[in-house]
N, C-alpha and C. Protein backbone atom coordinates (compact mmCIF):
# COMPACT_ATOMS: atom_id res chain seq x y z
N MET A 1 0.83 -1.21 0.00
CA MET A 1 0.00 0.00 0.00
C MET A 1 0.87 1.26 0.00
N LYS A 2 1.94 1.19 0.83
CA LYS A 2 2.86 2.33 0.91
C LYS A 2 3.55 2.56 -0.43
N SER A 3 3.94 1.45 -1.08
CA SER A 3 4.60 1.55 -2.39
C SER A 3 3.69 2.17 -3.42
N LEU A 4 2.38 1.84 -3.33
CA LEU A 4 1.39 2.38 -4.26
C LEU A 4 1.25 3.89 -4.08
N LYS A 5 1.27 4.33 -2.82
CA LYS A 5 1.16 5.76 -2.53
C LYS A 5 2.38 6.50 -3.08
N ILE A 6 3.55 5.90 -2.88
CA ILE A 6 4.78 6.52 -3.39
C ILE A 6 4.75 6.62 -4.91
N PHE A 7 4.22 5.58 -5.56
CA PHE A 7 4.12 5.56 -7.02
C PHE A 7 3.22 6.70 -7.50
N PHE A 8 2.05 6.85 -6.85
CA PHE A 8 1.11 7.90 -7.25
C PHE A 8 1.68 9.29 -7.00
N LEU A 9 2.39 9.45 -5.88
CA LEU A 9 3.00 10.74 -5.60
C LEU A 9 4.06 11.08 -6.64
N PHE A 10 4.86 10.06 -7.01
CA PHE A 10 5.89 10.24 -8.03
C PHE A 10 5.26 10.59 -9.38
N PHE A 11 4.18 9.86 -9.70
CA PHE A 11 3.47 10.09 -10.97
C PHE A 11 2.88 11.50 -10.99
N PHE A 12 2.29 11.92 -9.88
CA PHE A 12 1.67 13.25 -9.77
C PHE A 12 2.73 14.34 -9.92
N ALA A 13 3.88 14.14 -9.26
CA ALA A 13 4.97 15.13 -9.32
C ALA A 13 5.49 15.26 -10.75
N CYS A 14 5.68 14.12 -11.42
CA CYS A 14 6.16 14.14 -12.82
C CYS A 14 5.16 14.83 -13.74
N ASN A 15 3.89 14.55 -13.49
CA ASN A 15 2.83 15.14 -14.30
C ASN A 15 2.79 16.65 -14.13
N CYS A 16 2.98 17.11 -12.89
CA CYS A 16 2.99 18.55 -12.60
C CYS A 16 4.16 19.24 -13.30
N LEU A 17 5.33 18.60 -13.22
CA LEU A 17 6.52 19.15 -13.85
C LEU A 17 6.35 19.23 -15.37
N PHE A 18 5.77 18.19 -15.94
CA PHE A 18 5.52 18.15 -17.39
C PHE A 18 4.55 19.25 -17.80
N SER A 19 3.50 19.43 -16.98
CA SER A 19 2.49 20.46 -17.27
C SER A 19 3.10 21.85 -17.20
N GLN A 20 3.98 22.06 -16.21
CA GLN A 20 4.64 23.35 -16.06
C GLN A 20 5.54 23.66 -17.25
N GLU A 21 6.23 22.61 -17.74
CA GLU A 21 7.10 22.78 -18.91
C GLU A 21 6.30 23.17 -20.14
N ILE A 22 5.15 22.51 -20.31
CA ILE A 22 4.28 22.82 -21.45
C ILE A 22 3.76 24.25 -21.35
N THR A 23 3.32 24.63 -20.14
CA THR A 23 2.79 25.98 -19.92
C THR A 23 3.86 27.03 -20.18
N GLN A 24 5.07 26.78 -19.67
CA GLN A 24 6.17 27.72 -19.87
C GLN A 24 6.53 27.86 -21.35
N GLU A 25 6.54 26.73 -22.05
CA GLU A 25 6.85 26.75 -23.48
C GLU A 25 5.77 27.52 -24.26
N PHE A 26 4.51 27.29 -23.86
CA PHE A 26 3.39 27.99 -24.51
C PHE A 26 3.51 29.50 -24.30
N LEU A 27 3.82 29.91 -23.06
CA LEU A 27 3.94 31.33 -22.75
C LEU A 27 5.10 31.98 -23.49
N GLN A 28 6.21 31.24 -23.60
CA GLN A 28 7.37 31.77 -24.34
C GLN A 28 7.04 31.98 -25.81
N LYS A 29 6.34 31.02 -26.39
CA LYS A 29 5.94 31.13 -27.80
C LYS A 29 4.96 32.29 -27.99
N ARG A 30 4.04 32.42 -27.05
CA ARG A 30 3.05 33.50 -27.14
C ARG A 30 3.73 34.86 -27.01
N ASP A 31 4.67 34.98 -26.07
CA ASP A 31 5.40 36.24 -25.89
C ASP A 31 6.18 36.60 -27.15
N ALA A 32 6.79 35.60 -27.75
CA ALA A 32 7.55 35.83 -28.99
C ALA A 32 6.63 36.29 -30.11
N LYS A 33 5.46 35.68 -30.17
CA LYS A 33 4.48 36.04 -31.19
C LYS A 33 4.00 37.48 -31.00
N ILE A 34 3.64 37.84 -29.76
CA ILE A 34 3.16 39.19 -29.46
C ILE A 34 4.25 40.22 -29.77
N ASP A 35 5.49 39.88 -29.39
CA ASP A 35 6.62 40.77 -29.66
C ASP A 35 6.77 41.01 -31.16
N SER A 36 6.60 39.97 -31.93
CA SER A 36 6.70 40.07 -33.39
C SER A 36 5.57 40.94 -33.95
N LEU A 37 4.36 40.75 -33.43
CA LEU A 37 3.20 41.52 -33.91
C LEU A 37 3.32 43.00 -33.56
N THR A 38 3.86 43.31 -32.39
CA THR A 38 3.96 44.72 -31.98
C THR A 38 4.94 45.49 -32.86
N LYS A 39 5.80 44.77 -33.57
CA LYS A 39 6.78 45.43 -34.45
C LYS A 39 6.19 45.76 -35.82
N ILE A 40 5.02 45.25 -36.10
CA ILE A 40 4.35 45.54 -37.38
C ILE A 40 3.74 46.94 -37.33
N ASP A 41 3.94 47.71 -38.37
CA ASP A 41 3.34 49.05 -38.43
C ASP A 41 1.93 48.92 -39.01
N PHE A 42 0.96 48.70 -38.14
CA PHE A 42 -0.42 48.50 -38.58
C PHE A 42 -1.07 49.77 -39.13
N LEU A 43 -0.45 50.91 -38.91
CA LEU A 43 -1.00 52.15 -39.46
C LEU A 43 -0.58 52.35 -40.92
N LYS A 44 0.44 51.61 -41.35
CA LYS A 44 0.89 51.69 -42.75
C LYS A 44 0.59 50.40 -43.52
N TYR A 45 0.04 49.46 -42.84
CA TYR A 45 -0.22 48.14 -43.42
C TYR A 45 -1.18 48.28 -44.62
N LYS A 46 -0.93 47.52 -45.67
CA LYS A 46 -1.79 47.56 -46.85
C LYS A 46 -2.91 46.53 -46.68
N TYR A 47 -4.03 47.00 -46.18
CA TYR A 47 -5.18 46.13 -45.88
C TYR A 47 -5.98 45.81 -47.14
N LYS A 48 -6.51 44.61 -47.16
CA LYS A 48 -7.39 44.22 -48.28
C LYS A 48 -8.76 44.86 -48.14
N TYR A 49 -9.20 45.00 -46.89
CA TYR A 49 -10.58 45.41 -46.64
C TYR A 49 -10.72 46.78 -45.97
N LEU A 50 -9.63 47.57 -45.96
CA LEU A 50 -9.67 48.95 -45.46
C LEU A 50 -8.95 49.84 -46.46
N ASP A 51 -9.45 51.06 -46.66
CA ASP A 51 -8.72 51.98 -47.54
C ASP A 51 -7.66 52.71 -46.72
N LYS A 52 -6.98 53.68 -47.30
CA LYS A 52 -5.86 54.35 -46.61
C LYS A 52 -6.33 55.17 -45.41
N ASN A 53 -7.62 55.47 -45.36
CA ASN A 53 -8.18 56.19 -44.21
C ASN A 53 -8.90 55.25 -43.25
N TYR A 54 -8.67 53.95 -43.43
CA TYR A 54 -9.25 52.88 -42.59
C TYR A 54 -10.77 52.77 -42.73
N LYS A 55 -11.27 53.24 -43.86
CA LYS A 55 -12.69 53.07 -44.14
C LYS A 55 -12.92 51.65 -44.64
N ILE A 56 -13.96 51.02 -44.14
CA ILE A 56 -14.24 49.62 -44.45
C ILE A 56 -14.72 49.45 -45.89
N LYS A 57 -14.13 48.46 -46.58
CA LYS A 57 -14.52 48.18 -47.97
C LYS A 57 -14.56 46.67 -48.21
N ILE A 58 -15.15 45.97 -47.31
CA ILE A 58 -15.19 44.50 -47.37
C ILE A 58 -16.45 44.01 -48.09
N PRO A 59 -16.34 42.98 -48.94
CA PRO A 59 -17.54 42.41 -49.57
C PRO A 59 -18.48 41.85 -48.49
N LYS A 60 -19.76 41.99 -48.71
CA LYS A 60 -20.76 41.55 -47.73
C LYS A 60 -20.61 40.08 -47.38
N GLU A 61 -20.38 39.23 -48.40
CA GLU A 61 -20.29 37.79 -48.14
C GLU A 61 -19.08 37.43 -47.27
N VAL A 62 -17.96 38.16 -47.46
CA VAL A 62 -16.75 37.91 -46.65
C VAL A 62 -17.01 38.34 -45.21
N TYR A 63 -17.66 39.48 -45.06
CA TYR A 63 -17.98 40.01 -43.73
C TYR A 63 -18.87 39.03 -42.97
N GLU A 64 -19.93 38.61 -43.62
CA GLU A 64 -20.89 37.71 -42.97
C GLU A 64 -20.27 36.36 -42.64
N LYS A 65 -19.43 35.87 -43.53
CA LYS A 65 -18.75 34.60 -43.28
C LYS A 65 -17.83 34.71 -42.06
N THR A 66 -17.13 35.85 -41.94
CA THR A 66 -16.22 36.07 -40.81
C THR A 66 -16.99 36.17 -39.50
N VAL A 67 -18.13 36.82 -39.53
CA VAL A 67 -18.97 36.93 -38.33
C VAL A 67 -19.33 35.54 -37.80
N ILE A 68 -19.71 34.66 -38.73
CA ILE A 68 -20.10 33.29 -38.35
C ILE A 68 -18.89 32.47 -37.92
N GLU A 69 -17.82 32.55 -38.71
CA GLU A 69 -16.62 31.73 -38.44
C GLU A 69 -15.98 32.03 -37.11
N TYR A 70 -15.95 33.31 -36.73
CA TYR A 70 -15.28 33.70 -35.48
C TYR A 70 -16.27 34.05 -34.37
N LYS A 71 -17.53 33.65 -34.58
CA LYS A 71 -18.56 33.74 -33.55
C LYS A 71 -18.78 35.14 -32.98
N PHE A 72 -18.77 36.14 -33.88
CA PHE A 72 -19.16 37.49 -33.48
C PHE A 72 -20.67 37.49 -33.26
N ILE A 73 -21.15 38.34 -32.37
CA ILE A 73 -22.59 38.45 -32.10
C ILE A 73 -23.14 39.62 -32.94
N PRO A 74 -23.92 39.32 -33.98
CA PRO A 74 -24.41 40.37 -34.89
C PRO A 74 -25.09 41.55 -34.19
N GLU A 75 -25.84 41.26 -33.13
CA GLU A 75 -26.56 42.32 -32.42
C GLU A 75 -25.62 43.33 -31.75
N ARG A 76 -24.37 42.93 -31.57
CA ARG A 76 -23.41 43.82 -30.90
C ARG A 76 -22.50 44.56 -31.88
N LEU A 77 -22.73 44.35 -33.15
CA LEU A 77 -21.91 45.02 -34.16
C LEU A 77 -22.60 46.31 -34.59
N ASN A 78 -22.56 47.29 -33.69
CA ASN A 78 -23.31 48.53 -33.91
C ASN A 78 -22.43 49.71 -34.31
N LYS A 79 -21.17 49.68 -33.88
CA LYS A 79 -20.29 50.82 -34.12
C LYS A 79 -19.17 50.45 -35.11
N TYR A 80 -18.48 51.50 -35.56
CA TYR A 80 -17.35 51.29 -36.49
C TYR A 80 -16.34 50.33 -35.90
N ARG A 81 -16.00 50.53 -34.62
CA ARG A 81 -14.97 49.69 -33.99
C ARG A 81 -15.40 48.22 -33.95
N ASP A 82 -16.70 47.98 -33.75
CA ASP A 82 -17.21 46.60 -33.74
C ASP A 82 -16.99 45.95 -35.11
N SER A 83 -17.38 46.67 -36.15
CA SER A 83 -17.23 46.14 -37.51
C SER A 83 -15.76 46.03 -37.92
N LEU A 84 -14.96 46.96 -37.40
CA LEU A 84 -13.52 46.92 -37.69
C LEU A 84 -12.91 45.62 -37.17
N GLY A 85 -13.38 45.18 -36.00
CA GLY A 85 -12.90 43.92 -35.44
C GLY A 85 -13.16 42.75 -36.38
N VAL A 86 -14.33 42.74 -36.99
CA VAL A 86 -14.69 41.68 -37.94
C VAL A 86 -13.77 41.76 -39.17
N VAL A 87 -13.59 42.96 -39.69
CA VAL A 87 -12.76 43.17 -40.87
C VAL A 87 -11.32 42.73 -40.63
N LEU A 88 -10.79 43.07 -39.46
CA LEU A 88 -9.41 42.71 -39.14
C LEU A 88 -9.25 41.20 -38.94
N MET A 89 -10.30 40.55 -38.45
CA MET A 89 -10.23 39.09 -38.34
C MET A 89 -10.28 38.44 -39.73
N ALA A 90 -11.04 39.04 -40.63
CA ALA A 90 -11.07 38.55 -42.02
C ALA A 90 -9.69 38.73 -42.65
N GLU A 91 -9.01 39.79 -42.24
CA GLU A 91 -7.69 40.11 -42.76
C GLU A 91 -6.60 39.19 -42.22
N PHE A 92 -6.56 39.04 -40.89
CA PHE A 92 -5.44 38.34 -40.24
C PHE A 92 -5.76 36.92 -39.76
N LYS A 93 -7.04 36.66 -39.50
CA LYS A 93 -7.44 35.36 -38.95
C LYS A 93 -6.64 35.02 -37.68
N ASP A 94 -6.43 36.05 -36.88
CA ASP A 94 -5.64 35.91 -35.65
C ASP A 94 -6.12 36.96 -34.64
N TRP A 95 -6.54 36.51 -33.47
CA TRP A 95 -7.11 37.43 -32.49
C TRP A 95 -6.09 38.43 -31.96
N ASP A 96 -4.85 38.02 -31.80
CA ASP A 96 -3.82 38.92 -31.28
C ASP A 96 -3.51 40.03 -32.28
N ALA A 97 -3.38 39.67 -33.54
CA ALA A 97 -3.13 40.66 -34.59
C ALA A 97 -4.31 41.62 -34.69
N GLU A 98 -5.52 41.07 -34.61
CA GLU A 98 -6.73 41.90 -34.66
C GLU A 98 -6.74 42.91 -33.53
N ARG A 99 -6.44 42.44 -32.33
CA ARG A 99 -6.48 43.29 -31.13
C ARG A 99 -5.46 44.43 -31.22
N ILE A 100 -4.24 44.11 -31.62
CA ILE A 100 -3.19 45.12 -31.68
C ILE A 100 -3.47 46.14 -32.78
N ALA A 101 -3.87 45.65 -33.96
CA ALA A 101 -4.18 46.55 -35.08
C ALA A 101 -5.35 47.47 -34.73
N GLU A 102 -6.40 46.91 -34.15
CA GLU A 102 -7.58 47.71 -33.77
C GLU A 102 -7.20 48.77 -32.75
N HIS A 103 -6.39 48.40 -31.79
CA HIS A 103 -5.95 49.33 -30.75
C HIS A 103 -5.25 50.54 -31.36
N ARG A 104 -4.40 50.29 -32.33
CA ARG A 104 -3.62 51.38 -32.93
C ARG A 104 -4.47 52.25 -33.87
N ILE A 105 -5.32 51.60 -34.64
CA ILE A 105 -6.17 52.34 -35.57
C ILE A 105 -7.17 53.22 -34.82
N CYS A 106 -7.70 52.70 -33.73
CA CYS A 106 -8.76 53.41 -32.99
C CYS A 106 -8.25 54.26 -31.83
N TYR A 107 -6.93 54.38 -31.70
CA TYR A 107 -6.35 55.20 -30.63
C TYR A 107 -6.88 56.63 -30.76
N THR A 108 -7.11 57.30 -29.64
CA THR A 108 -7.73 58.64 -29.67
C THR A 108 -6.82 59.69 -29.03
N TRP A 109 -7.08 60.95 -29.40
CA TRP A 109 -6.35 62.06 -28.78
C TRP A 109 -6.65 62.10 -27.28
N LYS A 110 -7.86 61.72 -26.92
CA LYS A 110 -8.23 61.73 -25.51
C LYS A 110 -7.38 60.75 -24.71
N ARG A 111 -7.13 59.57 -25.30
CA ARG A 111 -6.32 58.57 -24.61
C ARG A 111 -4.87 59.05 -24.46
N VAL A 112 -4.35 59.68 -25.50
CA VAL A 112 -3.00 60.26 -25.40
C VAL A 112 -2.99 61.28 -24.26
N GLY A 113 -4.04 62.08 -24.20
CA GLY A 113 -4.15 63.09 -23.15
C GLY A 113 -4.14 62.50 -21.75
N HIS A 114 -4.74 61.33 -21.60
CA HIS A 114 -4.74 60.66 -20.29
C HIS A 114 -3.32 60.28 -19.87
N HIS A 115 -2.47 60.03 -20.85
CA HIS A 115 -1.08 59.66 -20.54
C HIS A 115 -0.22 60.88 -20.17
N VAL A 116 -0.53 62.02 -20.75
CA VAL A 116 0.31 63.21 -20.51
C VAL A 116 -0.38 64.28 -19.67
N TRP A 117 -1.54 63.94 -19.14
CA TRP A 117 -2.30 64.85 -18.26
C TRP A 117 -2.61 66.17 -18.98
N LYS A 118 -3.11 66.02 -20.21
CA LYS A 118 -3.53 67.18 -20.98
C LYS A 118 -4.91 66.90 -21.57
N SER A 119 -5.60 67.97 -21.94
CA SER A 119 -6.92 67.80 -22.54
C SER A 119 -6.78 67.29 -23.97
N GLU A 120 -7.88 66.80 -24.49
CA GLU A 120 -7.92 66.30 -25.87
C GLU A 120 -7.49 67.39 -26.85
N ASP A 121 -7.98 68.62 -26.64
CA ASP A 121 -7.64 69.73 -27.53
C ASP A 121 -6.16 70.09 -27.46
N GLU A 122 -5.61 70.04 -26.26
CA GLU A 122 -4.18 70.36 -26.09
C GLU A 122 -3.31 69.35 -26.83
N VAL A 123 -3.67 68.10 -26.72
CA VAL A 123 -2.92 67.04 -27.40
C VAL A 123 -3.04 67.17 -28.91
N ALA A 124 -4.26 67.45 -29.38
CA ALA A 124 -4.48 67.62 -30.82
C ALA A 124 -3.67 68.80 -31.36
N ALA A 125 -3.52 69.84 -30.55
CA ALA A 125 -2.74 71.02 -30.96
C ALA A 125 -1.26 70.66 -31.08
N ILE A 126 -0.76 69.84 -30.15
CA ILE A 126 0.64 69.39 -30.23
C ILE A 126 0.85 68.58 -31.51
N ALA A 127 -0.09 67.70 -31.79
CA ALA A 127 0.00 66.85 -32.98
C ALA A 127 -0.03 67.70 -34.26
N LYS A 128 -0.89 68.69 -34.27
CA LYS A 128 -1.00 69.56 -35.45
C LYS A 128 0.31 70.29 -35.69
N LYS A 129 0.93 70.75 -34.62
CA LYS A 129 2.21 71.46 -34.72
C LYS A 129 3.29 70.54 -35.29
N LEU A 130 3.21 69.26 -34.94
CA LEU A 130 4.19 68.28 -35.42
C LEU A 130 3.76 67.62 -36.73
N LYS A 131 2.60 68.04 -37.26
CA LYS A 131 2.04 67.49 -38.50
C LYS A 131 1.76 65.99 -38.38
N ILE A 132 1.25 65.62 -37.24
CA ILE A 132 0.88 64.22 -36.98
C ILE A 132 -0.64 64.11 -37.06
N LYS A 133 -1.12 63.15 -37.84
CA LYS A 133 -2.56 63.01 -38.03
C LYS A 133 -3.18 61.86 -37.25
N GLN A 134 -2.36 60.93 -36.81
CA GLN A 134 -2.88 59.76 -36.12
C GLN A 134 -2.45 59.76 -34.65
N PRO A 135 -3.40 59.65 -33.74
CA PRO A 135 -3.07 59.69 -32.31
C PRO A 135 -1.99 58.70 -31.88
N TYR A 136 -2.02 57.49 -32.45
CA TYR A 136 -1.03 56.51 -32.01
C TYR A 136 0.39 56.91 -32.42
N ARG A 137 0.51 57.66 -33.51
CA ARG A 137 1.83 58.15 -33.94
C ARG A 137 2.43 59.07 -32.87
N LEU A 138 1.59 59.90 -32.29
CA LEU A 138 2.07 60.79 -31.23
C LEU A 138 2.43 59.98 -29.99
N GLN A 139 1.62 58.99 -29.68
CA GLN A 139 1.90 58.13 -28.53
C GLN A 139 3.25 57.42 -28.71
N GLU A 140 3.54 56.99 -29.93
CA GLU A 140 4.83 56.34 -30.21
C GLU A 140 6.00 57.26 -29.90
N LEU A 141 5.89 58.52 -30.34
CA LEU A 141 6.95 59.50 -30.08
C LEU A 141 7.14 59.71 -28.58
N LEU A 142 6.03 59.79 -27.86
CA LEU A 142 6.09 59.99 -26.42
C LEU A 142 6.74 58.79 -25.72
N ASN A 143 6.35 57.60 -26.13
CA ASN A 143 6.91 56.38 -25.53
C ASN A 143 8.42 56.29 -25.71
N LYS A 144 8.89 56.80 -26.84
CA LYS A 144 10.33 56.74 -27.14
C LYS A 144 11.07 57.97 -26.62
N ASN A 145 10.34 58.91 -26.03
CA ASN A 145 10.92 60.18 -25.58
C ASN A 145 11.68 60.85 -26.73
N ASP A 146 11.03 60.85 -27.90
CA ASP A 146 11.61 61.48 -29.09
C ASP A 146 11.90 62.95 -28.81
N SER A 147 12.95 63.45 -29.43
CA SER A 147 13.34 64.85 -29.20
C SER A 147 12.22 65.84 -29.53
N LYS A 148 11.32 65.44 -30.45
CA LYS A 148 10.22 66.32 -30.83
C LYS A 148 9.24 66.56 -29.69
N VAL A 149 9.18 65.60 -28.76
CA VAL A 149 8.23 65.71 -27.64
C VAL A 149 8.93 65.66 -26.28
N ALA A 150 10.26 65.85 -26.28
CA ALA A 150 11.03 65.78 -25.04
C ALA A 150 10.54 66.81 -24.01
N ALA A 151 10.15 67.97 -24.50
CA ALA A 151 9.66 69.02 -23.58
C ALA A 151 8.37 68.58 -22.90
N GLU A 152 7.51 67.88 -23.64
CA GLU A 152 6.24 67.40 -23.06
C GLU A 152 6.51 66.35 -21.98
N ILE A 153 7.48 65.48 -22.23
CA ILE A 153 7.82 64.46 -21.25
C ILE A 153 8.39 65.11 -19.99
N GLN A 154 9.24 66.12 -20.16
CA GLN A 154 9.82 66.80 -19.00
C GLN A 154 8.74 67.53 -18.20
N ASN A 155 7.81 68.16 -18.90
CA ASN A 155 6.70 68.83 -18.21
C ASN A 155 5.87 67.84 -17.41
N LEU A 156 5.68 66.64 -17.99
CA LEU A 156 4.93 65.60 -17.31
C LEU A 156 5.68 65.14 -16.06
N ARG A 157 7.00 64.97 -16.17
CA ARG A 157 7.81 64.59 -15.00
C ARG A 157 7.63 65.61 -13.87
N ASP A 158 7.73 66.88 -14.24
CA ASP A 158 7.62 67.94 -13.24
C ASP A 158 6.25 67.93 -12.58
N THR A 159 5.21 67.74 -13.38
CA THR A 159 3.84 67.71 -12.86
C THR A 159 3.64 66.55 -11.90
N LEU A 160 4.12 65.37 -12.30
CA LEU A 160 3.93 64.18 -11.48
C LEU A 160 4.77 64.24 -10.20
N PHE A 161 5.95 64.84 -10.29
CA PHE A 161 6.78 64.95 -9.08
C PHE A 161 6.11 65.90 -8.08
N GLN A 162 5.58 67.00 -8.57
CA GLN A 162 4.88 67.94 -7.69
C GLN A 162 3.66 67.30 -7.05
N LYS A 163 3.00 66.45 -7.81
CA LYS A 163 1.77 65.82 -7.33
C LYS A 163 2.05 64.69 -6.34
N PHE A 164 3.03 63.83 -6.64
CA PHE A 164 3.25 62.62 -5.84
C PHE A 164 4.55 62.64 -5.01
N ASN A 165 5.45 63.58 -5.33
CA ASN A 165 6.71 63.71 -4.59
C ASN A 165 7.48 62.38 -4.54
N LYS A 166 7.56 61.71 -5.69
CA LYS A 166 8.29 60.45 -5.78
C LYS A 166 9.54 60.66 -6.62
N GLU A 167 10.69 60.36 -6.02
CA GLU A 167 11.97 60.58 -6.70
C GLU A 167 12.10 59.77 -7.99
N GLU A 168 11.51 58.55 -7.99
CA GLU A 168 11.66 57.69 -9.17
C GLU A 168 11.04 58.29 -10.43
N VAL A 169 10.10 59.21 -10.23
CA VAL A 169 9.47 59.88 -11.37
C VAL A 169 10.50 60.65 -12.20
N LYS A 170 11.55 61.11 -11.53
CA LYS A 170 12.57 61.91 -12.22
C LYS A 170 13.42 61.09 -13.18
N THR A 171 13.50 59.78 -12.94
CA THR A 171 14.40 58.95 -13.75
C THR A 171 13.70 57.82 -14.51
N MET A 172 12.41 57.70 -14.36
CA MET A 172 11.66 56.65 -15.07
C MET A 172 11.84 56.75 -16.58
N PRO A 173 12.01 55.63 -17.28
CA PRO A 173 11.98 55.67 -18.75
C PRO A 173 10.63 56.25 -19.20
N ALA A 174 10.61 56.87 -20.34
CA ALA A 174 9.41 57.56 -20.81
C ALA A 174 8.17 56.67 -20.84
N ASP A 175 8.32 55.43 -21.34
CA ASP A 175 7.15 54.56 -21.46
C ASP A 175 6.57 54.20 -20.08
N LYS A 176 7.45 53.99 -19.10
CA LYS A 176 6.98 53.68 -17.74
C LYS A 176 6.38 54.92 -17.08
N LEU A 177 6.95 56.08 -17.37
CA LEU A 177 6.41 57.34 -16.86
C LEU A 177 4.99 57.57 -17.37
N LEU A 178 4.79 57.32 -18.65
CA LEU A 178 3.47 57.50 -19.26
C LEU A 178 2.46 56.53 -18.68
N LEU A 179 2.90 55.31 -18.41
CA LEU A 179 2.01 54.31 -17.80
C LEU A 179 1.64 54.73 -16.38
N PHE A 180 2.63 55.22 -15.64
CA PHE A 180 2.39 55.72 -14.28
C PHE A 180 1.40 56.87 -14.31
N ALA A 181 1.59 57.79 -15.26
CA ALA A 181 0.71 58.95 -15.40
C ALA A 181 -0.71 58.52 -15.73
N PHE A 182 -0.84 57.56 -16.65
CA PHE A 182 -2.15 57.07 -17.05
C PHE A 182 -2.87 56.41 -15.87
N THR A 183 -2.16 55.53 -15.17
CA THR A 183 -2.75 54.78 -14.05
C THR A 183 -3.21 55.70 -12.94
N ASN A 184 -2.47 56.79 -12.73
CA ASN A 184 -2.78 57.70 -11.62
C ASN A 184 -3.53 58.96 -12.04
N ASN A 185 -3.94 59.00 -13.29
CA ASN A 185 -4.70 60.15 -13.78
C ASN A 185 -6.07 60.17 -13.10
N PRO A 186 -6.43 61.24 -12.39
CA PRO A 186 -7.72 61.31 -11.69
C PRO A 186 -8.92 61.03 -12.59
N GLU A 187 -8.85 61.50 -13.83
CA GLU A 187 -9.96 61.27 -14.76
C GLU A 187 -10.10 59.79 -15.10
N VAL A 188 -8.96 59.12 -15.29
CA VAL A 188 -8.97 57.68 -15.59
C VAL A 188 -9.50 56.89 -14.39
N ILE A 189 -9.07 57.28 -13.21
CA ILE A 189 -9.53 56.61 -11.98
C ILE A 189 -11.04 56.75 -11.85
N GLU A 190 -11.55 57.92 -12.15
CA GLU A 190 -13.00 58.16 -12.06
C GLU A 190 -13.75 57.34 -13.11
N LEU A 191 -13.20 57.27 -14.32
CA LEU A 191 -13.82 56.48 -15.38
C LEU A 191 -13.89 55.01 -14.99
N LYS A 192 -12.83 54.50 -14.37
CA LYS A 192 -12.80 53.10 -13.94
C LYS A 192 -13.83 52.85 -12.84
N LYS A 193 -13.96 53.81 -11.94
CA LYS A 193 -14.94 53.67 -10.85
C LYS A 193 -16.36 53.61 -11.41
N ASN A 194 -16.65 54.50 -12.35
CA ASN A 194 -17.99 54.54 -12.95
C ASN A 194 -18.27 53.27 -13.75
N ALA A 195 -17.24 52.78 -14.46
CA ALA A 195 -17.41 51.54 -15.23
C ALA A 195 -17.70 50.37 -14.29
N TYR A 196 -17.03 50.34 -13.15
CA TYR A 196 -17.25 49.27 -12.17
C TYR A 196 -18.66 49.35 -11.58
N LYS A 197 -19.10 50.59 -11.28
CA LYS A 197 -20.45 50.77 -10.73
C LYS A 197 -21.51 50.30 -11.73
N ASN A 198 -21.32 50.67 -12.99
CA ASN A 198 -22.28 50.27 -14.02
C ASN A 198 -22.31 48.76 -14.20
N LYS A 199 -21.14 48.13 -14.09
CA LYS A 199 -21.05 46.68 -14.21
C LYS A 199 -21.78 46.00 -13.07
N GLN A 200 -21.65 46.57 -11.87
CA GLN A 200 -22.32 46.01 -10.70
C GLN A 200 -23.84 46.13 -10.81
N LYS A 201 -24.29 47.24 -11.38
CA LYS A 201 -25.74 47.46 -11.55
C LYS A 201 -26.34 46.47 -12.54
N GLN A 202 -25.55 46.06 -13.52
CA GLN A 202 -26.03 45.16 -14.56
C GLN A 202 -26.11 43.71 -14.09
N LYS A 203 -25.49 43.42 -12.95
CA LYS A 203 -25.52 42.02 -12.44
C LYS A 203 -26.88 41.66 -11.87
């Protein structure tokens, strides 16, 4: 009986180790895939079903087939972004590629503003001065602390240091600084609270 218990414990331990190896391998492959996808310039990509202004131009039969194949809910396809998701799945047939491309195409001046603690109009004015037409393009410059927006990053550092008095704010890489700013933006915090309240009401 004791030998049987030892056998099962040994078998269980081996099984756990094997499962962990598979999980780790899966995560490594997924990380490599995501890393590869993030390097694609989805704003310059030559789409089959979007024009240069990202206007949808997909044949009806392809659209409807994609809705069925990837189990989209027709009743929820009410806005441009909803339909864009279908179009991008028809294009890439990959949920990760769809998600990243949609995120970049639909990025807004308001979201950029949440990262730099500025209003939508202020951010749009900065973009206009730099001749940038797409919000995500401006976000890219900010993330890299490009010389064109270095002054904006420094202003953000100063603002956040005055607000939180944290020394690390002075030396954070730009992308981490922007994430810190976004997470601690009072407007974002309020939006999250309201979203949570609405979710609770719907239960």
